[in-house]
Amino acid sequence: MADKVQEEELKEKAIEYLKRVWREDTVRMDVKNNSVVDGSGELHVDCTVRVGERHSDWTKWFTFQDGDVSHMRWQMR
């Protein structure tokens, strides 16, 4: 399991991914589980995102490969 510094870096990469790919601004992100080891694995979060003035709550699973987000699954909460 990653330490807190690594976990914060993973969160930042997830936030950047949401902005770049989905144009979502992250309002809040709470890590539920982090199985990323040596740059590969899954980061499971609950988050609130904003697009324009609209806010929505999601559970998202970010798959990391070689230290970067390679895929994301999501479910509305």
C-alpha atoms as a PDB file:
ATOM      1  CA  MET A   1       0.000   0.000   0.000  1.00  0.00           C
ATOM      2  CA  ALA A   2       1.278   3.468  -0.865  1.00  0.00           C
ATOM      3  CA  ASP A   3       2.245   5.909   1.841  1.00  0.00           C
ATOM      4  CA  LYS A   4       0.372   9.212   2.272  1.00  0.00           C
ATOM      5  CA  VAL A   5       2.724  11.202   0.003  1.00  0.00           C
ATOM      6  CA  GLN A   6       2.301   8.668  -2.810  1.00  0.00           C
ATOM      7  CA  GLU A   7      -1.453   8.595  -2.223  1.00  0.00           C
ATOM      8  CA  GLU A   8      -1.653  12.390  -2.564  1.00  0.00           C
ATOM      9  CA  GLU A   9       0.277  12.151  -5.845  1.00  0.00           C
ATOM     10  CA  LEU A  10      -2.178   9.522  -7.102  1.00  0.00           C
ATOM     11  CA  LYS A  11      -5.118  11.748  -6.132  1.00  0.00           C
ATOM     12  CA  GLU A  12      -3.563  14.667  -8.020  1.00  0.00           C
ATOM     13  CA  LYS A  13      -3.141  12.512 -11.114  1.00  0.00           C
ATOM     14  CA  ALA A  14      -6.769  11.361 -10.825  1.00  0.00           C
ATOM     15  CA  ILE A  15      -7.943  14.977 -10.475  1.00  0.00           C
ATOM     16  CA  GLU A  16      -5.877  15.993 -13.509  1.00  0.00           C
ATOM     17  CA  TYR A  17      -7.341  13.060 -15.482  1.00  0.00           C
ATOM     18  CA  LEU A  18     -10.903  14.130 -14.635  1.00  0.00           C
ATOM     19  CA  LYS A  19     -10.175  17.671 -15.779  1.00  0.00           C
ATOM     20  CA  ARG A  20      -8.356  16.684 -18.982  1.00  0.00           C
ATOM     21  CA  VAL A  21     -10.593  13.824 -20.149  1.00  0.00           C
ATOM     22  CA  TRP A  22     -14.018  14.669 -18.687  1.00  0.00           C
ATOM     23  CA  ARG A  23     -13.676  18.450 -18.080  1.00  0.00           C
ATOM     24  CA  GLU A  24     -14.740  17.905 -14.474  1.00  0.00           C
ATOM     25  CA  ASP A  25     -13.534  20.110 -11.635  1.00  0.00           C
ATOM     26  CA  THR A  26     -13.024  18.098  -8.467  1.00  0.00           C
ATOM     27  CA  VAL A  27     -14.776  19.607  -5.448  1.00  0.00           C
ATOM     28  CA  ARG A  28     -13.922  16.771  -3.047  1.00  0.00           C
ATOM     29  CA  MET A  29     -12.138  13.424  -3.263  1.00  0.00           C
ATOM     30  CA  ASP A  30     -11.902  10.844  -0.480  1.00  0.00           C
ATOM     31  CA  VAL A  31      -9.806   7.709  -0.950  1.00  0.00           C
ATOM     32  CA  LYS A  32     -11.683   4.540  -0.002  1.00  0.00           C
ATOM     33  CA  ASN A  33      -9.026   2.029  -1.043  1.00  0.00           C
ATOM     34  CA  ASN A  34      -5.584   2.247  -2.606  1.00  0.00           C
ATOM     35  CA  SER A  35      -4.060  -0.885  -4.111  1.00  0.00           C
ATOM     36  CA  VAL A  36      -1.486   0.932  -6.277  1.00  0.00           C
ATOM     37  CA  VAL A  37       1.958  -0.616  -5.836  1.00  0.00           C
ATOM     38  CA  ASP A  38       4.993   0.466  -7.852  1.00  0.00           C
ATOM     39  CA  GLY A  39       2.771   2.648 -10.060  1.00  0.00           C
ATOM     40  CA  SER A  40       0.193  -0.012 -10.965  1.00  0.00           C
ATOM     41  CA  GLY A  41      -3.131  -0.919  -9.367  1.00  0.00           C
ATOM     42  CA  GLU A  42      -6.413   0.731  -8.493  1.00  0.00           C
ATOM     43  CA  LEU A  43      -7.368   3.865  -6.562  1.00  0.00           C
ATOM     44  CA  HIS A  44     -10.998   3.714  -5.335  1.00  0.00           C
ATOM     45  CA  VAL A  45     -12.502   7.089  -4.380  1.00  0.00           C
ATOM     46  CA  ASP A  46     -15.747   8.826  -3.527  1.00  0.00           C
ATOM     47  CA  CYS A  47     -15.833  12.275  -5.044  1.00  0.00           C
ATOM     48  CA  THR A  48     -17.925  15.294  -5.862  1.00  0.00           C
ATOM     49  CA  VAL A  49     -17.269  16.930  -9.203  1.00  0.00           C
ATOM     50  CA  ARG A  50     -18.522  20.052 -10.910  1.00  0.00           C
ATOM     51  CA  VAL A  51     -19.190  20.747 -14.564  1.00  0.00           C
ATOM     52  CA  GLY A  52     -20.274  24.340 -14.962  1.00  0.00           C
ATOM     53  CA  GLU A  53     -22.691  24.994 -12.101  1.00  0.00           C
ATOM     54  CA  ARG A  54     -23.801  21.363 -11.786  1.00  0.00           C
ATOM     55  CA  HIS A  55     -22.415  19.196  -8.956  1.00  0.00           C
ATOM     56  CA  SER A  56     -22.652  15.397  -8.803  1.00  0.00           C
ATOM     57  CA  ASP A  57     -21.474  12.657  -6.445  1.00  0.00           C
ATOM     58  CA  TRP A  58     -19.623   9.598  -7.741  1.00  0.00           C
ATOM     59  CA  THR A  59     -17.711   6.513  -6.762  1.00  0.00           C
ATOM     60  CA  LYS A  60     -14.782   6.129  -9.162  1.00  0.00           C
ATOM     61  CA  TRP A  61     -12.088   3.509  -9.646  1.00  0.00           C
ATOM     62  CA  PHE A  62      -8.918   4.753 -11.320  1.00  0.00           C
ATOM     63  CA  THR A  63      -6.649   2.103 -12.820  1.00  0.00           C
ATOM     64  CA  PHE A  64      -2.990   3.110 -12.763  1.00  0.00           C
ATOM     65  CA  GLN A  65      -0.323   1.628 -14.978  1.00  0.00           C
ATOM     66  CA  ASP A  66       3.294   2.792 -14.821  1.00  0.00           C
ATOM     67  CA  GLY A  67       2.270   5.665 -12.529  1.00  0.00           C
ATOM     68  CA  ASP A  68      -0.443   7.151 -14.766  1.00  0.00           C
ATOM     69  CA  VAL A  69      -4.208   6.733 -15.033  1.00  0.00           C
ATOM     70  CA  SER A  70      -4.925   4.244 -17.813  1.00  0.00           C
ATOM     71  CA  HIS A  71      -8.660   3.674 -17.231  1.00  0.00           C
ATOM     72  CA  MET A  72     -11.545   4.751 -15.012  1.00  0.00           C
ATOM     73  CA  ARG A  73     -14.827   3.124 -13.996  1.00  0.00           C
ATOM     74  CA  TRP A  74     -17.560   5.089 -12.273  1.00  0.00           C
ATOM     75  CA  GLN A  75     -20.916   4.801 -10.536  1.00  0.00           C
ATOM     76  CA  MET A  76     -23.184   7.621  -9.470  1.00  0.00           C
ATOM     77  CA  ARG A  77     -23.863   7.791  -5.730  1.00  0.00           C
END
